[in-house]
Every structure is written in structure tokens, then in C-alpha cells.
């Protein structure tokens, strides 16, 4: 994309899509033609140990032109669906890097589905309008999707590492408020201990209430059920980070 004339390209990746609790988080890492070769060992965060990811964080941050992680909380996932929440988190991340480097020219997304572009943004004027669940004003960048981009593109791999480590840290902090659910270990995903705790204690304010969460005698988990949205995290309007 840089060779095609883009001045600034943002690699982007998400974490937390399939979790039962906590936010969905989107990392963005911006590079340009002057960006040097990536730090050794940088790859898809899922292939790295927690210690390796943490060691790469300062290297990835200093390597790129700009970086950010945006979040959308459980209430936003409940209200707008996972795709809408991913879009909001991604746009929050782009808004953060815009403060440093301005608008990026293009975004490379991991996967085959473009969840970042807004369907309503068909011209320049509409690109500045807010859709019902968008609190970020941005000109929509050109988006390219690539399956396994986190294995082929260093900026996407770096974005995955930064998003994963930041979300993991947030879930570890939340685990101190809700120790029965083991979020310091399972990070909000549907591990057996987490599911059992849901059956025993019921959902917390940090759970995604629109998903069919486990109940007594209910074996299904993580299936959207369009429940009523519940206020769960008070989020910073730009980053999506909890304010307390």
C-alpha cells in the first residue's frame, strides 16, 4: 500500500471478539516508507507467550510512526452488535493516532471482512456524519483486508500485540473486582471456570448481556440473543478506556 502511493498506512487488528465479558479492543500501528525493519520476533499475538508479548510492547511502540488501542465496552457491544462495536473501537484508535500524525491514507485489516468502513459513508460529506453508534468524526480511509495479515504484515502483527496486552491488562484489573470469574486467567473468554462461575453467580455488569450467557441447565454460551443493553463500563469517549 505504501508502494501504491499511500503516505501513512495503518495496520489494524482486534482482540476480544469472542469473549463473554469485557470490551472488544482494536490496535492500530502506523508506518511509512521510512519505517525501519520490524523488531525480531514480532508476529501474531496468539502465537506468542504472555511474556514475549510484554517484551515486544516497548519495541513495537518505538518502531512505528504512531500507535493506539481503542475499546468498545460491553454496553456498546450489546447496543450495536459486535461489528458496530469493532468499528467504533477501530475509529477511536484512529482518532488517537490522528492527534500525532493526522489522518492515515489506508488501513490494512486482518481477516476477510471489512468491519471498519461505515456503510453510510459514500461521499466526503457523509464521512463526517455520525451514525447512531459512532462518536468519532473521521474521514473514512481506504481499507484493504487480508487473511492472516498478522502473519504477513509487521504493522498488523504489532497492532495485535498492543491490543492483546492492553486488553489483558484491563481484564486482569477487572478480575480484582470480580475474583470468582477468573478473568486474570481467562481474560473474559468462555473457559470452564468462567462458565461455571456464571452458572453459580450470574452475570456481572462487565458481561455482554445481549449474548446468551450460561444459566443453570443451559449449555450454550456466547450466542447473540439481543438482550437489553446494560450500562457497564464508563468509557473515555475517544479511547474507550474506563475512566475509573
Protein backbone atom coordinates (compact mmCIF):
# COMPACT_ATOMS: atom_id res chain seq x y z
CA UNK A 1 0.00 0.00 0.00
CA UNK A 2 2.95 2.30 0.63
CA UNK A 3 4.33 1.39 -2.78
CA UNK A 4 0.96 2.33 -4.27
CA UNK A 5 1.36 5.90 -3.06
CA UNK A 6 -0.05 5.89 0.45
CA UNK A 7 1.85 8.22 2.79
CA UNK A 8 0.71 6.61 6.03
CA UNK A 9 -0.59 3.05 6.34
CA UNK A 10 -2.21 1.70 9.48
CA UNK A 11 -2.12 -1.98 10.34
CA UNK A 12 -5.15 -2.91 12.45
CA UNK A 13 -6.21 -5.98 14.42
CA UNK A 14 -8.84 -6.77 17.05
CA UNK A 15 -8.99 -8.86 20.20
CA UNK A 16 -11.88 -9.83 22.43
CA UNK A 17 -14.46 -10.51 19.73
CA UNK A 18 -15.45 -13.88 21.17
CA UNK A 19 -15.23 -13.08 24.88
CA UNK A 20 -18.22 -13.24 27.20
CA UNK A 21 -17.08 -10.28 29.29
CA UNK A 22 -15.07 -7.11 28.87
CA UNK A 23 -14.51 -4.84 25.89
CA UNK A 24 -13.55 -5.54 22.34
CA UNK A 25 -10.22 -3.84 21.62
CA UNK A 26 -8.63 -2.72 18.36
CA UNK A 27 -4.95 -1.94 17.93
CA UNK A 28 -3.59 0.31 15.21
CA UNK A 29 0.06 0.75 14.22
CA UNK A 30 1.03 3.37 11.63
CA UNK A 31 4.05 3.03 9.34
CA UNK A 32 5.50 4.96 6.42
CA UNK A 33 8.21 4.42 3.81
CA UNK A 34 10.90 5.49 6.28
CA UNK A 35 9.90 2.90 8.89
CA UNK A 36 12.77 0.54 9.64
CA UNK A 37 12.57 -3.29 9.70
CA UNK A 38 10.36 -4.56 12.49
CA UNK A 39 11.64 -5.86 15.83
CA UNK A 40 12.75 -9.52 15.75
CA UNK A 41 10.12 -11.99 16.88
CA UNK A 42 7.15 -9.78 16.04
CA UNK A 43 4.23 -11.94 14.87
CA UNK A 44 0.58 -12.69 15.55
CA UNK A 45 -0.01 -12.20 19.27
CA UNK A 46 -1.81 -15.56 19.53
CA UNK A 47 1.46 -17.32 18.71
CA UNK A 48 3.40 -15.58 21.48
CA UNK A 49 3.58 -16.23 25.19
CA UNK A 50 2.39 -13.51 27.54
CA UNK A 51 5.99 -12.76 28.49
CA UNK A 52 7.04 -12.48 24.84
CA UNK A 53 4.15 -10.13 24.10
CA UNK A 54 5.04 -7.89 27.03
CA UNK A 55 8.68 -7.77 25.94
CA UNK A 56 7.64 -6.69 22.44
CA UNK A 57 5.39 -3.84 23.58
CA UNK A 58 8.10 -1.15 24.03
CA UNK A 59 9.87 -2.32 20.88
CA UNK A 60 6.70 -2.13 18.79
CA UNK A 61 5.79 1.29 20.16
CA UNK A 62 9.20 2.78 19.39
CA UNK A 63 9.40 1.11 15.97
CA UNK A 64 6.29 2.61 14.40
CA UNK A 65 5.31 6.16 13.47
CA UNK A 66 2.27 6.12 15.77
CA UNK A 67 0.13 3.59 17.64
CA UNK A 68 -3.06 3.39 19.67
CA UNK A 69 -5.59 0.96 21.09
CA UNK A 70 -9.31 1.73 21.04
CA UNK A 71 -12.01 -0.05 23.02
CA UNK A 72 -15.77 -0.53 22.92
CA UNK A 73 -17.35 -1.70 26.15
CA UNK A 74 -19.93 -4.41 26.81
CA UNK A 75 -22.84 -1.95 26.80
CA UNK A 76 -21.80 -0.78 23.33
CA UNK A 77 -21.50 -4.36 22.12
CA UNK A 78 -24.98 -5.03 23.49
CA UNK A 79 -26.45 -1.91 21.92
CA UNK A 80 -24.84 -2.04 18.49
CA UNK A 81 -23.65 -5.61 17.88
CA UNK A 82 -20.11 -6.87 17.63
CA UNK A 83 -19.45 -5.40 14.17
CA UNK A 84 -20.64 -1.96 15.21
CA UNK A 85 -18.54 -2.17 18.36
CA UNK A 86 -15.45 -3.21 16.39
CA UNK A 87 -15.98 -0.26 14.07
CA UNK A 88 -16.29 2.13 16.99
CA UNK A 89 -13.17 0.77 18.70
CA UNK A 90 -11.20 0.97 15.46
CA UNK A 91 -12.29 4.54 14.80
CA UNK A 92 -11.39 5.51 18.36
CA UNK A 93 -7.89 4.13 17.77
CA UNK A 94 -7.59 6.07 14.51
CA UNK A 95 -8.72 9.24 16.27
CA UNK A 96 -5.89 8.82 18.77
CA UNK A 97 -3.17 8.44 16.12
CA UNK A 98 -4.62 11.35 14.17
CA UNK A 99 -3.53 13.66 17.01
CA UNK A 100 0.07 12.66 16.30
CA UNK A 101 0.29 12.13 12.54
CA UNK A 102 -3.02 13.26 11.05
CA UNK A 103 -5.37 11.07 9.06
CA UNK A 104 -3.93 7.86 7.66
CA UNK A 105 -4.26 7.16 3.95
CA UNK A 106 -5.04 3.46 4.16
CA UNK A 107 -5.79 0.71 6.66
CA UNK A 108 -4.83 -2.96 6.39
CA UNK A 109 -7.25 -5.18 8.32
CA UNK A 110 -6.57 -8.74 9.37
CA UNK A 111 -9.23 -11.11 8.00
CA UNK A 112 -11.60 -11.03 5.05
CA UNK A 113 -14.37 -8.80 6.39
CA UNK A 114 -14.18 -5.00 6.40
CA UNK A 115 -15.76 -4.14 9.74
CA UNK A 116 -14.14 -0.68 9.87
CA UNK A 117 -15.79 1.11 6.95
CA UNK A 118 -19.23 2.54 7.59
CA UNK A 119 -21.89 1.55 5.04
CA UNK A 120 -23.29 5.09 5.14
CA UNK A 121 -20.01 6.77 4.24
CA UNK A 122 -20.49 7.03 0.48
CA UNK A 123 -19.08 10.51 -0.04
CA UNK A 124 -16.92 13.05 1.73
CA UNK A 125 -19.83 14.82 3.42
CA UNK A 126 -21.40 11.65 4.77
CA UNK A 127 -17.99 10.55 6.02
CA UNK A 128 -18.15 13.38 8.56
CA UNK A 129 -21.64 12.50 9.76
CA UNK A 130 -22.11 10.38 12.85
CA UNK A 131 -24.05 7.18 12.56
CA UNK A 132 -26.17 6.19 15.59
CA UNK A 133 -23.29 4.45 17.38
CA UNK A 134 -20.29 6.47 16.24
CA UNK A 135 -18.81 9.17 18.47
CA UNK A 136 -15.72 9.79 16.32
CA UNK A 137 -15.53 12.20 13.39
CA UNK A 138 -13.14 10.87 10.74
CA UNK A 139 -12.78 10.81 7.00
CA UNK A 140 -13.07 7.11 6.20
CA UNK A 141 -9.71 5.77 4.99
CA UNK A 142 -9.22 3.29 2.19
CA UNK A 143 -9.43 -0.22 3.68
CA UNK A 144 -7.85 -3.42 2.45
CA UNK A 145 -8.49 -6.80 4.05
CA UNK A 146 -6.00 -9.65 4.10
CA UNK A 147 -6.47 -13.09 5.62
CA UNK A 148 -3.65 -13.87 8.06
CA UNK A 149 -2.32 -10.33 7.75
CA UNK A 150 -0.94 -10.66 11.28
CA UNK A 151 1.45 -13.29 9.91
CA UNK A 152 2.39 -11.35 6.77
CA UNK A 153 2.43 -7.69 7.77
CA UNK A 154 4.52 -6.35 10.64
CA UNK A 155 2.23 -3.40 11.38
CA UNK A 156 -0.79 -5.71 11.80
CA UNK A 157 1.24 -8.08 13.99
CA UNK A 158 2.32 -5.14 16.13
CA UNK A 159 -1.28 -3.95 16.37
CA UNK A 160 -2.36 -7.40 17.56
CA UNK A 161 0.33 -7.44 20.25
CA UNK A 162 -0.52 -3.97 21.54
CA UNK A 163 -4.26 -4.65 21.58
CA UNK A 164 -3.84 -8.03 23.27
CA UNK A 165 -1.55 -6.78 26.03
CA UNK A 166 -3.71 -3.74 26.78
CA UNK A 167 -6.95 -5.71 26.90
CA UNK A 168 -5.34 -8.46 29.00
CA UNK A 169 -4.20 -5.82 31.48
CA UNK A 170 -7.69 -4.37 31.67
CA UNK A 171 -9.25 -7.78 32.32
CA UNK A 172 -6.66 -8.52 35.00
CA UNK A 173 -7.63 -5.26 36.72
CA UNK A 174 -11.33 -6.10 36.48
CA UNK A 175 -10.61 -9.54 37.97
CA UNK A 176 -9.79 -7.87 41.27
CA UNK A 177 -13.36 -6.57 41.42
CA UNK A 178 -14.89 -9.91 40.36
CA UNK A 179 -12.45 -12.61 41.53
CA UNK A 180 -14.91 -15.51 41.15
CA UNK A 181 -14.76 -15.34 37.35
CA UNK A 182 -11.00 -15.80 36.90
CA UNK A 183 -10.56 -13.01 34.38
CA UNK A 184 -6.89 -12.71 35.26
CA UNK A 185 -6.53 -16.15 33.66
CA UNK A 186 -9.29 -16.45 31.03
CA UNK A 187 -9.46 -12.74 30.09
CA UNK A 188 -13.24 -12.92 29.82
CA UNK A 189 -13.42 -15.84 27.39
CA UNK A 190 -15.61 -18.88 27.94
CA UNK A 191 -13.23 -21.07 29.92
CA UNK A 192 -14.81 -23.79 32.05
CA UNK A 193 -14.23 -21.92 35.31
CA UNK A 194 -15.76 -18.75 33.87
CA UNK A 195 -18.83 -20.62 32.63
CA UNK A 196 -19.27 -22.35 35.98
CA UNK A 197 -18.99 -19.03 37.82
CA UNK A 198 -21.69 -17.59 35.58
CA UNK A 199 -23.96 -20.52 36.40
CA UNK A 200 -23.29 -20.04 40.11
CA UNK A 201 -23.29 -16.25 40.44
CA UNK A 202 -24.99 -14.90 37.32
CA UNK A 203 -23.61 -12.15 35.06
CA UNK A 204 -21.75 -9.10 36.35
CA UNK A 205 -22.02 -5.57 34.95
CA UNK A 206 -18.99 -6.41 32.79
CA UNK A 207 -20.71 -9.24 30.89
CA UNK A 208 -22.22 -8.88 27.43
CA UNK A 209 -25.89 -9.17 28.28
CA UNK A 210 -27.05 -9.42 24.66
CA UNK A 211 -25.23 -12.75 24.36
CA UNK A 212 -26.92 -15.87 25.64
CA UNK A 213 -24.81 -16.33 28.73
CA UNK A 214 -24.76 -19.64 30.58
CA UNK A 215 -27.51 -20.21 33.12
CA UNK A 216 -28.38 -23.20 35.23
CA UNK A 217 -29.00 -26.11 32.86
CA UNK A 218 -28.05 -24.05 29.82
CA UNK A 219 -25.09 -25.45 27.88
CA UNK A 220 -24.96 -22.74 25.22
CA UNK A 221 -22.51 -19.87 25.57
CA UNK A 222 -21.66 -16.80 23.60
CA UNK A 223 -24.67 -16.84 21.28
CA UNK A 224 -26.18 -13.41 20.47
CA UNK A 225 -29.67 -13.18 21.94
CA UNK A 226 -30.45 -9.44 21.59
CA UNK A 227 -30.94 -8.75 25.26
CA UNK A 228 -31.46 -5.32 26.72
CA UNK A 229 -28.30 -3.18 26.78
CA UNK A 230 -26.91 -2.54 30.24
CA UNK A 231 -24.55 0.24 31.26
CA UNK A 232 -21.34 -1.48 32.29
CA UNK A 233 -18.17 0.49 31.67
CA UNK A 234 -17.88 4.26 31.82
CA UNK A 235 -15.65 4.85 28.81
CA UNK A 236 -13.40 7.65 27.75
CA UNK A 237 -15.20 8.90 24.59
CA UNK A 238 -12.10 8.76 22.40
CA UNK A 239 -10.13 5.75 23.58
CA UNK A 240 -12.95 3.72 25.00
CA UNK A 241 -10.92 3.17 28.17
CA UNK A 242 -12.62 3.02 31.55
CA UNK A 243 -12.48 6.41 33.25
CA UNK A 244 -12.18 4.94 36.73
